[in-house]
């Protein structure tokens, strides 16, 4: 039941992420702002999650994993109601930040509970099983979101989180053992948290503001310098602290290091894909939210199909080879979306998105599993937080980079609203960045991930 319960939390989070992307044009109309500017509603959530994820490992150890997990679901559910009640962009962004704080703890702590109860040789199967309910979010998100936006209102895309959240709270209290609430007296690395939080918040905000051009370049430059400086100070602090909030020594483990560095380039596609598709199909091609949603969800269907194929593929070819080759394939299928035009047959768009989702799912199944292959039991909580922080950072920067590419192209071509050519350029850039992940996976040893398939270990 534990992988299923954690998967339900992932379902709620992924449903929310994909639904808001398909609803952006409708929300932009109500708030009277350009649709591309509402990427702030996405990146605000992701930035808050990236900032607060590092603290989740300490919180789980200090207060008990089950308590933190249930509390995070409560925060996420309440803030979803707040998003639905938003009357301005500022209100929406504020509630999305609170929602990001809940999401920051919800998924990593849930995954930590699972990691502590599953043997390593069963981890790949457990991760695949965990992903099944989570993948239902992207499958149902676009068509359900399109239906609600077309025939009701965008407010319902947040309100539907309420019954899911209530069910998650009940199941967690009923089925997660009380032993998951074991605690330690490990102190909080407050200075490390402040330095790391400032680093990530300023860098992600700088990318976002660069894309929206909400501040003069000099201020954005100062934000980037502040983020880099805080990151440098944190590195020195972490080397001296006994229990740093983000344990950088984990990067000495090759499988974890490459899953974070190479994996993050691939994760640009997670945040950018629904954002770019919503703009292309609705703003560029003039489709309704319902029609766009029915096309977009093909990507998630491909991802679900891959979950049954990933274990034998990785067993046959090995993690290193699969990750290297699949980075290029995933990037290429992402870039293929740039060939879509208003006259492209729907069946062809669905086919490309189906294949793209298939290979993208293989990539992230392999990355998420390999990252924990060589992590000792005592480091699982900090590794789970570190990995989740990196994931949120990669996804949020992916959205910001896509928006930056679109706005830059609009400026160069003197477009008031995004043209199809502006949006398709975003697919090409994100696809190229994803393919570069292969350079990191080349550094993995040929034996990487063998322990995941060896029952004796």
Protein backbone atom coordinates (compact mmCIF):
# COMPACT_ATOMS: atom_id res chain seq x y z
CA UNK A 1 0.00 0.00 0.00
CA UNK A 2 2.87 2.42 0.68
CA UNK A 3 3.95 2.82 -2.99
CA UNK A 4 0.27 3.24 -3.91
CA UNK A 5 -0.34 5.92 -1.25
CA UNK A 6 2.79 7.84 -2.27
CA UNK A 7 1.70 7.40 -5.87
CA UNK A 8 -1.65 9.02 -5.01
CA UNK A 9 0.23 12.04 -3.65
CA UNK A 10 2.20 12.14 -6.89
CA UNK A 11 -1.08 11.82 -8.81
CA UNK A 12 -2.48 14.91 -7.12
CA UNK A 13 0.71 16.87 -7.74
CA UNK A 14 1.06 15.83 -11.40
CA UNK A 15 -2.65 16.34 -12.07
CA UNK A 16 -2.31 19.88 -10.73
CA UNK A 17 0.79 20.55 -12.83
CA UNK A 18 -0.68 19.37 -16.14
CA UNK A 19 -4.12 20.89 -15.58
CA UNK A 20 -2.78 24.39 -14.90
CA UNK A 21 -0.75 24.32 -18.12
CA UNK A 22 -3.81 23.58 -20.26
CA UNK A 23 -5.78 26.28 -18.41
CA UNK A 24 -3.25 29.12 -18.81
CA UNK A 25 -4.89 30.80 -21.84
CA UNK A 26 -8.32 30.86 -20.12
CA UNK A 27 -6.80 32.18 -16.89
CA UNK A 28 -4.87 34.82 -18.83
CA UNK A 29 -8.12 36.04 -20.41
CA UNK A 30 -9.81 36.43 -17.02
CA UNK A 31 -6.80 38.16 -15.46
CA UNK A 32 -6.27 40.30 -18.61
CA UNK A 33 -2.58 39.40 -19.06
CA UNK A 34 -0.71 37.66 -21.93
CA UNK A 35 -0.77 33.86 -21.58
CA UNK A 36 3.03 33.58 -21.75
CA UNK A 37 3.31 35.80 -18.66
CA UNK A 38 1.29 33.34 -16.58
CA UNK A 39 4.23 30.93 -16.57
CA UNK A 40 4.83 32.73 -13.24
CA UNK A 41 2.01 30.62 -11.78
CA UNK A 42 3.99 27.51 -12.70
CA UNK A 43 7.46 28.67 -11.72
CA UNK A 44 6.25 30.16 -8.39
CA UNK A 45 5.15 26.68 -7.32
CA UNK A 46 8.34 25.05 -8.56
CA UNK A 47 10.57 27.69 -6.97
CA UNK A 48 8.87 27.31 -3.58
CA UNK A 49 9.21 23.54 -3.84
CA UNK A 50 12.91 23.77 -4.73
CA UNK A 51 13.56 26.11 -1.79
CA UNK A 52 11.78 24.01 0.83
CA UNK A 53 12.59 20.50 -0.39
CA UNK A 54 16.01 20.41 1.34
CA UNK A 55 14.36 20.81 4.73
CA UNK A 56 12.06 17.82 4.23
CA UNK A 57 14.71 15.23 5.12
CA UNK A 58 15.46 16.96 8.42
CA UNK A 59 11.74 17.43 9.14
CA UNK A 60 11.03 13.73 8.50
CA UNK A 61 13.85 12.70 10.85
CA UNK A 62 12.93 15.26 13.51
CA UNK A 63 9.12 15.02 13.59
CA UNK A 64 8.42 11.65 11.97
CA UNK A 65 7.94 10.86 8.30
CA UNK A 66 4.23 10.02 8.54
CA UNK A 67 3.40 13.24 10.43
CA UNK A 68 5.26 15.37 7.88
CA UNK A 69 3.69 13.50 4.97
CA UNK A 70 0.13 13.99 6.26
CA UNK A 71 0.81 17.65 7.14
CA UNK A 72 2.11 18.29 3.63
CA UNK A 73 -1.06 16.84 2.09
CA UNK A 74 -3.14 19.15 4.33
CA UNK A 75 -1.12 22.21 3.22
CA UNK A 76 -1.40 21.21 -0.45
CA UNK A 77 -5.15 20.65 -0.21
CA UNK A 78 -5.92 23.91 1.65
CA UNK A 79 -3.75 25.96 -0.73
CA UNK A 80 -5.55 24.38 -3.70
CA UNK A 81 -8.77 25.89 -2.37
CA UNK A 82 -6.92 29.20 -2.04
CA UNK A 83 -5.81 29.06 -5.69
CA UNK A 84 -9.41 28.48 -6.74
CA UNK A 85 -10.49 31.62 -4.86
CA UNK A 86 -7.78 33.85 -6.39
CA UNK A 87 -9.11 37.01 -8.03
CA UNK A 88 -5.78 38.47 -9.21
CA UNK A 89 -2.49 37.11 -10.55
CA UNK A 90 -0.79 38.15 -7.30
CA UNK A 91 -3.31 36.11 -5.26
CA UNK A 92 -2.80 33.10 -7.50
CA UNK A 93 0.99 33.29 -7.31
CA UNK A 94 0.84 33.67 -3.51
CA UNK A 95 -1.28 30.55 -3.08
CA UNK A 96 0.86 28.66 -5.58
CA UNK A 97 3.88 29.40 -3.37
CA UNK A 98 2.06 27.91 -0.37
CA UNK A 99 1.08 24.95 -2.53
CA UNK A 100 4.73 24.54 -3.50
CA UNK A 101 5.71 24.33 0.18
CA UNK A 102 3.23 21.48 0.65
CA UNK A 103 4.42 19.74 -2.50
CA UNK A 104 8.04 20.18 -1.41
CA UNK A 105 7.46 17.85 1.54
CA UNK A 106 4.71 15.63 0.16
CA UNK A 107 6.52 13.67 -2.55
CA UNK A 108 10.10 13.42 -1.16
CA UNK A 109 8.93 12.35 2.31
CA UNK A 110 6.52 9.84 0.79
CA UNK A 111 9.33 8.45 -1.34
CA UNK A 112 11.57 8.32 1.75
CA UNK A 113 8.97 6.19 3.54
CA UNK A 114 9.03 3.81 0.59
CA UNK A 115 12.83 3.72 0.31
CA UNK A 116 13.08 2.69 3.95
CA UNK A 117 10.75 -0.27 3.44
CA UNK A 118 11.80 -1.66 0.03
CA UNK A 119 14.91 -3.80 -0.64
CA UNK A 120 17.23 -2.42 -3.33
CA UNK A 121 16.71 -5.36 -5.68
CA UNK A 122 12.97 -4.56 -5.56
CA UNK A 123 13.45 -0.80 -5.99
CA UNK A 124 13.00 -0.69 -9.77
CA UNK A 125 9.70 -2.61 -9.57
CA UNK A 126 8.53 -0.45 -6.67
CA UNK A 127 9.40 2.76 -8.53
CA UNK A 128 7.52 1.53 -11.60
CA UNK A 129 4.50 0.62 -9.45
CA UNK A 130 4.75 3.95 -7.63
CA UNK A 131 4.63 5.76 -10.95
CA UNK A 132 1.40 4.16 -12.18
CA UNK A 133 -1.06 6.27 -10.16
CA UNK A 134 1.28 9.25 -10.57
CA UNK A 135 1.12 8.91 -14.35
CA UNK A 136 -2.67 8.97 -14.23
CA UNK A 137 -2.29 12.68 -13.37
CA UNK A 138 -0.76 13.60 -16.74
CA UNK A 139 -3.12 11.19 -18.51
CA UNK A 140 -6.27 12.66 -16.99
CA UNK A 141 -4.99 16.22 -16.51
CA UNK A 142 -5.16 17.60 -20.07
CA UNK A 143 -8.58 16.19 -21.07
CA UNK A 144 -10.15 16.81 -17.65
CA UNK A 145 -8.63 20.28 -17.50
CA UNK A 146 -9.74 21.01 -21.04
CA UNK A 147 -13.27 19.85 -20.22
CA UNK A 148 -13.48 21.94 -17.04
CA UNK A 149 -12.08 25.07 -18.70
CA UNK A 150 -14.32 24.69 -21.76
CA UNK A 151 -17.58 23.79 -20.02
CA UNK A 152 -17.17 25.12 -16.45
CA UNK A 153 -14.35 27.41 -15.28
CA UNK A 154 -10.62 27.20 -14.51
CA UNK A 155 -11.36 27.37 -10.76
CA UNK A 156 -12.41 23.72 -10.78
CA UNK A 157 -8.93 22.56 -11.77
CA UNK A 158 -7.85 23.38 -8.21
CA UNK A 159 -11.06 22.41 -6.42
CA UNK A 160 -10.81 18.82 -7.65
CA UNK A 161 -7.68 18.42 -5.48
CA UNK A 162 -9.85 18.61 -2.36
CA UNK A 163 -11.43 15.12 -2.43
CA UNK A 164 -8.11 13.56 -3.53
CA UNK A 165 -6.30 15.26 -0.64
CA UNK A 166 -8.88 14.15 1.93
CA UNK A 167 -8.61 10.56 0.67
CA UNK A 168 -4.80 10.74 0.85
CA UNK A 169 -4.91 11.91 4.48
CA UNK A 170 -7.24 9.06 5.46
CA UNK A 171 -5.17 6.39 3.66
CA UNK A 172 -1.90 7.66 5.14
CA UNK A 173 -3.25 7.51 8.70
CA UNK A 174 -4.79 4.10 8.05
CA UNK A 175 -2.04 2.25 6.18
CA UNK A 176 1.35 3.87 6.89
CA UNK A 177 2.78 2.19 9.97
CA UNK A 178 3.41 4.21 13.12
CA UNK A 179 7.06 3.11 12.88
CA UNK A 180 7.40 5.69 10.09
CA UNK A 181 7.18 8.31 12.84
CA UNK A 182 10.51 7.34 14.41
CA UNK A 183 12.43 10.52 15.18
CA UNK A 184 15.97 11.71 15.85
CA UNK A 185 17.36 14.79 17.57
CA UNK A 186 19.43 15.92 14.59
CA UNK A 187 19.60 19.75 14.72
CA UNK A 188 18.46 21.91 11.83
CA UNK A 189 21.23 23.48 9.76
CA UNK A 190 19.54 26.88 9.78
CA UNK A 191 22.40 28.85 8.19
CA UNK A 192 22.74 26.22 5.48
CA UNK A 193 19.01 26.37 4.81
CA UNK A 194 19.05 30.18 4.50
CA UNK A 195 22.06 30.13 2.17
CA UNK A 196 20.70 27.34 -0.04
CA UNK A 197 17.20 28.85 -0.10
CA UNK A 198 18.54 32.27 -1.10
CA UNK A 199 20.72 30.70 -3.77
CA UNK A 200 17.91 28.75 -5.41
CA UNK A 201 15.22 31.42 -5.00
CA UNK A 202 17.30 34.21 -6.53
CA UNK A 203 18.55 32.11 -9.44
CA UNK A 204 15.12 30.72 -10.37
CA UNK A 205 13.51 34.16 -9.90
CA UNK A 206 16.22 35.71 -12.08
CA UNK A 207 15.42 33.30 -14.92
CA UNK A 208 11.73 34.01 -14.50
CA UNK A 209 12.18 37.79 -14.45
CA UNK A 210 14.57 37.59 -17.38
CA UNK A 211 11.85 35.82 -19.35
CA UNK A 212 9.09 38.27 -18.40
CA UNK A 213 11.36 41.35 -18.45
CA UNK A 214 9.73 42.59 -15.27
CA UNK A 215 13.00 44.14 -14.00
CA UNK A 216 15.88 46.02 -15.63
CA UNK A 217 18.85 43.81 -16.65
CA UNK A 218 21.08 45.30 -13.93
CA UNK A 219 18.77 44.06 -11.17
CA UNK A 220 18.52 40.63 -12.74
CA UNK A 221 22.31 40.54 -12.93
CA UNK A 222 22.54 41.40 -9.23
CA UNK A 223 20.12 38.58 -8.41
CA UNK A 224 22.23 36.10 -10.35
CA UNK A 225 25.40 37.27 -8.58
CA UNK A 226 23.64 36.98 -5.22
CA UNK A 227 22.57 33.43 -6.02
CA UNK A 228 26.07 32.41 -7.12
CA UNK A 229 27.62 34.03 -4.03
CA UNK A 230 25.21 32.24 -1.67
CA UNK A 231 25.91 28.96 -3.45
CA UNK A 232 29.65 29.46 -3.00
CA UNK A 233 29.21 30.34 0.68
CA UNK A 234 27.03 27.29 1.19
CA UNK A 235 29.69 25.03 -0.31
CA UNK A 236 32.21 26.20 2.28
CA UNK A 237 29.62 25.96 5.05
CA UNK A 238 28.65 22.38 4.08
CA UNK A 239 32.28 21.25 4.27
CA UNK A 240 32.49 22.42 7.88
CA UNK A 241 29.04 21.42 9.18
CA UNK A 242 28.47 17.95 10.66
CA UNK A 243 24.90 17.65 9.29
CA UNK A 244 24.47 20.09 6.37
CA UNK A 245 20.94 20.62 5.04
CA UNK A 246 22.17 19.59 1.56
CA UNK A 247 24.92 16.98 1.82
CA UNK A 248 27.28 17.78 -1.07
CA UNK A 249 29.40 14.70 -0.31
CA UNK A 250 26.63 12.69 -2.00
CA UNK A 251 28.02 14.03 -5.27
CA UNK A 252 31.08 11.84 -4.65
CA UNK A 253 28.84 8.86 -5.49
CA UNK A 254 28.98 8.61 -9.33
CA UNK A 255 25.48 7.19 -9.83
CA UNK A 256 23.90 9.90 -7.69
CA UNK A 257 26.00 12.69 -9.20
CA UNK A 258 25.19 11.89 -12.83
CA UNK A 259 21.52 11.27 -12.08
CA UNK A 260 21.37 14.80 -10.63
CA UNK A 261 23.48 16.63 -13.23
CA UNK A 262 22.54 14.79 -16.40
CA UNK A 263 19.05 14.11 -15.15
CA UNK A 264 18.34 17.79 -14.60
CA UNK A 265 19.05 18.65 -18.22
CA UNK A 266 16.51 16.00 -19.22
CA UNK A 267 14.02 17.32 -16.65
CA UNK A 268 13.82 20.60 -18.56
CA UNK A 269 11.34 18.71 -20.76
CA UNK A 270 8.95 17.94 -17.87
CA UNK A 271 8.16 21.56 -17.11
CA UNK A 272 8.52 22.94 -20.62
CA UNK A 273 6.43 20.38 -22.56
CA UNK A 274 2.93 21.09 -21.14
CA UNK A 275 3.66 24.84 -21.08
CA UNK A 276 4.78 24.92 -24.72
CA UNK A 277 2.03 22.61 -25.95
CA UNK A 278 -0.70 24.67 -24.28
CA UNK A 279 0.59 27.84 -25.96
CA UNK A 280 1.15 26.21 -29.35
CA UNK A 281 -2.19 24.42 -29.62
CA UNK A 282 -4.40 27.13 -28.10
CA UNK A 283 -2.65 30.45 -28.74
CA UNK A 284 -0.86 29.39 -31.93
CA UNK A 285 -3.44 27.12 -33.59
CA UNK A 286 -6.60 28.53 -31.96
CA UNK A 287 -7.79 25.20 -30.54
CA UNK A 288 -10.16 24.98 -27.59
CA UNK A 289 -8.80 23.85 -24.25
CA UNK A 290 -10.72 20.59 -24.64
CA UNK A 291 -9.23 19.81 -28.06
CA UNK A 292 -5.72 20.73 -26.91
CA UNK A 293 -6.10 18.56 -23.81
CA UNK A 294 -7.18 15.51 -25.82
CA UNK A 295 -4.06 15.83 -28.00
CA UNK A 296 -1.66 16.58 -25.15
CA UNK A 297 -2.60 13.59 -23.03
CA UNK A 298 -1.13 11.24 -25.68
CA UNK A 299 2.29 12.02 -24.19
CA UNK A 300 1.21 10.67 -20.81
CA UNK A 301 -0.29 7.53 -22.39
CA UNK A 302 3.11 6.81 -23.91
CA UNK A 303 4.71 7.36 -20.51
CA UNK A 304 2.35 4.87 -18.90
CA UNK A 305 3.06 2.23 -21.54
CA UNK A 306 6.80 2.54 -20.88
CA UNK A 307 6.41 1.66 -17.19
CA UNK A 308 5.80 -1.97 -18.17
CA UNK A 309 8.79 -2.00 -20.53
CA UNK A 310 11.43 -0.18 -18.45
CA UNK A 311 12.62 -3.10 -16.21
CA UNK A 312 13.42 -5.52 -19.08
CA UNK A 313 15.00 -2.77 -21.19
CA UNK A 314 17.31 -1.72 -18.35
CA UNK A 315 18.13 -5.33 -17.56
CA UNK A 316 19.03 -6.05 -21.18
CA UNK A 317 21.03 -2.91 -22.01
CA UNK A 318 22.18 -1.49 -18.67
CA UNK A 319 21.67 1.93 -17.16
CA UNK A 320 24.65 3.67 -18.75
CA UNK A 321 23.83 2.71 -22.34
CA UNK A 322 20.09 3.32 -21.97
CA UNK A 323 20.56 6.77 -20.40
CA UNK A 324 23.12 7.89 -23.00
CA UNK A 325 21.13 6.84 -26.06
CA UNK A 326 17.75 7.74 -24.63
CA UNK A 327 18.82 11.31 -23.77
CA UNK A 328 19.32 11.95 -27.48
CA UNK A 329 16.08 10.18 -28.46
CA UNK A 330 14.09 12.09 -25.83
CA UNK A 331 15.56 15.42 -26.98
CA UNK A 332 14.91 14.58 -30.64
CA UNK A 333 11.25 13.69 -30.06
CA UNK A 334 10.86 16.93 -28.10
CA UNK A 335 12.32 18.92 -31.00
CA UNK A 336 9.99 17.11 -33.44
CA UNK A 337 7.09 19.03 -31.88
CA UNK A 338 8.55 22.11 -33.59
CA UNK A 339 7.32 20.65 -36.90
CA UNK A 340 3.66 20.96 -35.83
CA UNK A 341 1.59 23.42 -37.86
CA UNK A 342 -2.10 24.24 -37.92
CA UNK A 343 -2.48 21.83 -40.85
CA UNK A 344 -0.60 18.91 -39.27
CA UNK A 345 -2.96 15.91 -39.00
CA UNK A 346 -4.10 15.28 -35.45
CA UNK A 347 -3.13 11.61 -35.69
CA UNK A 348 0.46 12.60 -36.53
CA UNK A 349 0.71 15.00 -33.56
CA UNK A 350 -0.71 12.32 -31.25
CA UNK A 351 1.76 9.77 -32.62
CA UNK A 352 4.78 12.01 -32.03
CA UNK A 353 3.62 12.91 -28.51
CA UNK A 354 2.98 9.22 -27.75
CA UNK A 355 6.54 8.30 -28.76
CA UNK A 356 7.96 11.32 -26.93
CA UNK A 357 6.18 10.37 -23.70
CA UNK A 358 7.31 6.75 -24.09
CA UNK A 359 11.02 7.57 -24.20
CA UNK A 360 10.81 10.41 -21.68
CA UNK A 361 9.25 8.01 -19.17
CA UNK A 362 12.06 5.49 -19.69
CA UNK A 363 14.60 8.23 -19.03
CA UNK A 364 13.11 9.33 -15.73
CA UNK A 365 12.42 5.82 -14.48
CA UNK A 366 16.10 5.03 -15.00
CA UNK A 367 17.34 8.32 -13.51
CA UNK A 368 15.12 8.20 -10.43
CA UNK A 369 16.06 4.60 -9.66
CA UNK A 370 19.80 4.84 -10.39
CA UNK A 371 20.16 7.88 -8.16
CA UNK A 372 19.53 5.74 -5.05
CA UNK A 373 21.42 2.63 -6.15
CA UNK A 374 24.53 3.26 -4.06
CA UNK A 375 23.12 5.47 -1.27
CA UNK A 376 23.69 3.97 2.21
CA UNK A 377 20.64 3.56 4.46
CA UNK A 378 21.81 6.31 6.82
CA UNK A 379 21.87 8.84 3.97
CA UNK A 380 18.47 8.07 2.42
CA UNK A 381 16.64 11.04 3.97
CA UNK A 382 19.17 13.66 2.86
CA UNK A 383 19.56 11.99 -0.54
CA UNK A 384 15.79 12.01 -1.08
CA UNK A 385 15.65 15.72 -0.24
CA UNK A 386 18.69 16.54 -2.41
CA UNK A 387 17.26 14.60 -5.37
CA UNK A 388 13.81 16.18 -5.06
CA UNK A 389 15.33 19.67 -4.79
CA UNK A 390 17.34 19.08 -7.97
CA UNK A 391 14.24 17.81 -9.76
CA UNK A 392 12.15 20.84 -8.86
CA UNK A 393 15.00 23.14 -9.83
CA UNK A 394 15.40 21.46 -13.22
CA UNK A 395 11.68 21.57 -13.97
CA UNK A 396 11.31 25.22 -12.92
CA UNK A 397 14.34 26.34 -14.93
CA UNK A 398 12.93 24.39 -17.90
CA UNK A 399 9.72 26.45 -17.80
CA UNK A 400 11.70 29.68 -17.37
CA UNK A 401 14.05 28.87 -20.25
CA UNK A 402 11.11 28.03 -22.54
CA UNK A 403 9.44 31.36 -21.64
CA UNK A 404 12.75 33.21 -22.14
CA UNK A 405 13.18 31.71 -25.62
CA UNK A 406 9.63 32.68 -26.59
CA UNK A 407 9.94 36.25 -25.29
CA UNK A 408 13.34 36.73 -26.92
CA UNK A 409 11.98 35.50 -30.26
CA UNK A 410 8.94 37.78 -29.90
CA UNK A 411 11.19 40.75 -29.25
CA UNK A 412 13.49 40.02 -32.19
CA UNK A 413 10.53 39.57 -34.54
CA UNK A 414 8.48 42.47 -33.10
CA UNK A 415 5.54 40.22 -32.19
CA UNK A 416 2.98 41.49 -29.67
CA UNK A 417 1.66 37.99 -28.98
CA UNK A 418 3.52 34.69 -29.42
CA UNK A 419 3.55 33.50 -33.03
CA UNK A 420 3.83 29.81 -33.89
CA UNK A 421 7.48 30.31 -34.85
CA UNK A 422 8.25 31.81 -31.43
CA UNK A 423 6.78 28.81 -29.61
CA UNK A 424 8.29 26.12 -31.84
CA UNK A 425 11.74 27.58 -31.21
CA UNK A 426 11.22 26.70 -27.54
CA UNK A 427 10.75 23.01 -28.45
CA UNK A 428 14.05 23.00 -30.37
CA UNK A 429 16.08 24.65 -27.59
CA UNK A 430 14.67 22.42 -24.83
CA UNK A 431 15.23 19.33 -27.00
CA UNK A 432 18.89 20.25 -27.55
CA UNK A 433 19.42 20.82 -23.82
CA UNK A 434 17.92 17.41 -23.04
CA UNK A 435 20.22 15.69 -25.56
CA UNK A 436 23.25 17.24 -23.84
CA UNK A 437 22.47 15.04 -20.82
CA UNK A 438 24.14 12.18 -22.72
CA UNK A 439 27.52 13.81 -22.07
CA UNK A 440 27.05 13.33 -18.31
CA UNK A 441 25.81 9.74 -18.56
CA UNK A 442 28.90 8.84 -20.61
CA UNK A 443 30.91 9.23 -17.40
CA UNK A 444 29.02 6.44 -15.63
CA UNK A 445 30.81 3.12 -15.17
CA UNK A 446 29.51 0.27 -17.31
CA UNK A 447 28.43 -1.54 -14.14
CA UNK A 448 26.24 1.34 -12.90
CA UNK A 449 22.99 0.10 -11.38
CA UNK A 450 23.91 -3.59 -11.20
CA UNK A 451 23.06 -3.70 -7.49
CA UNK A 452 19.45 -2.86 -8.37
CA UNK A 453 19.09 -6.20 -10.14
CA UNK A 454 21.18 -8.37 -7.79
CA UNK A 455 19.05 -10.06 -5.15
CA UNK A 456 22.09 -11.14 -3.13
CA UNK A 457 22.94 -7.49 -2.46
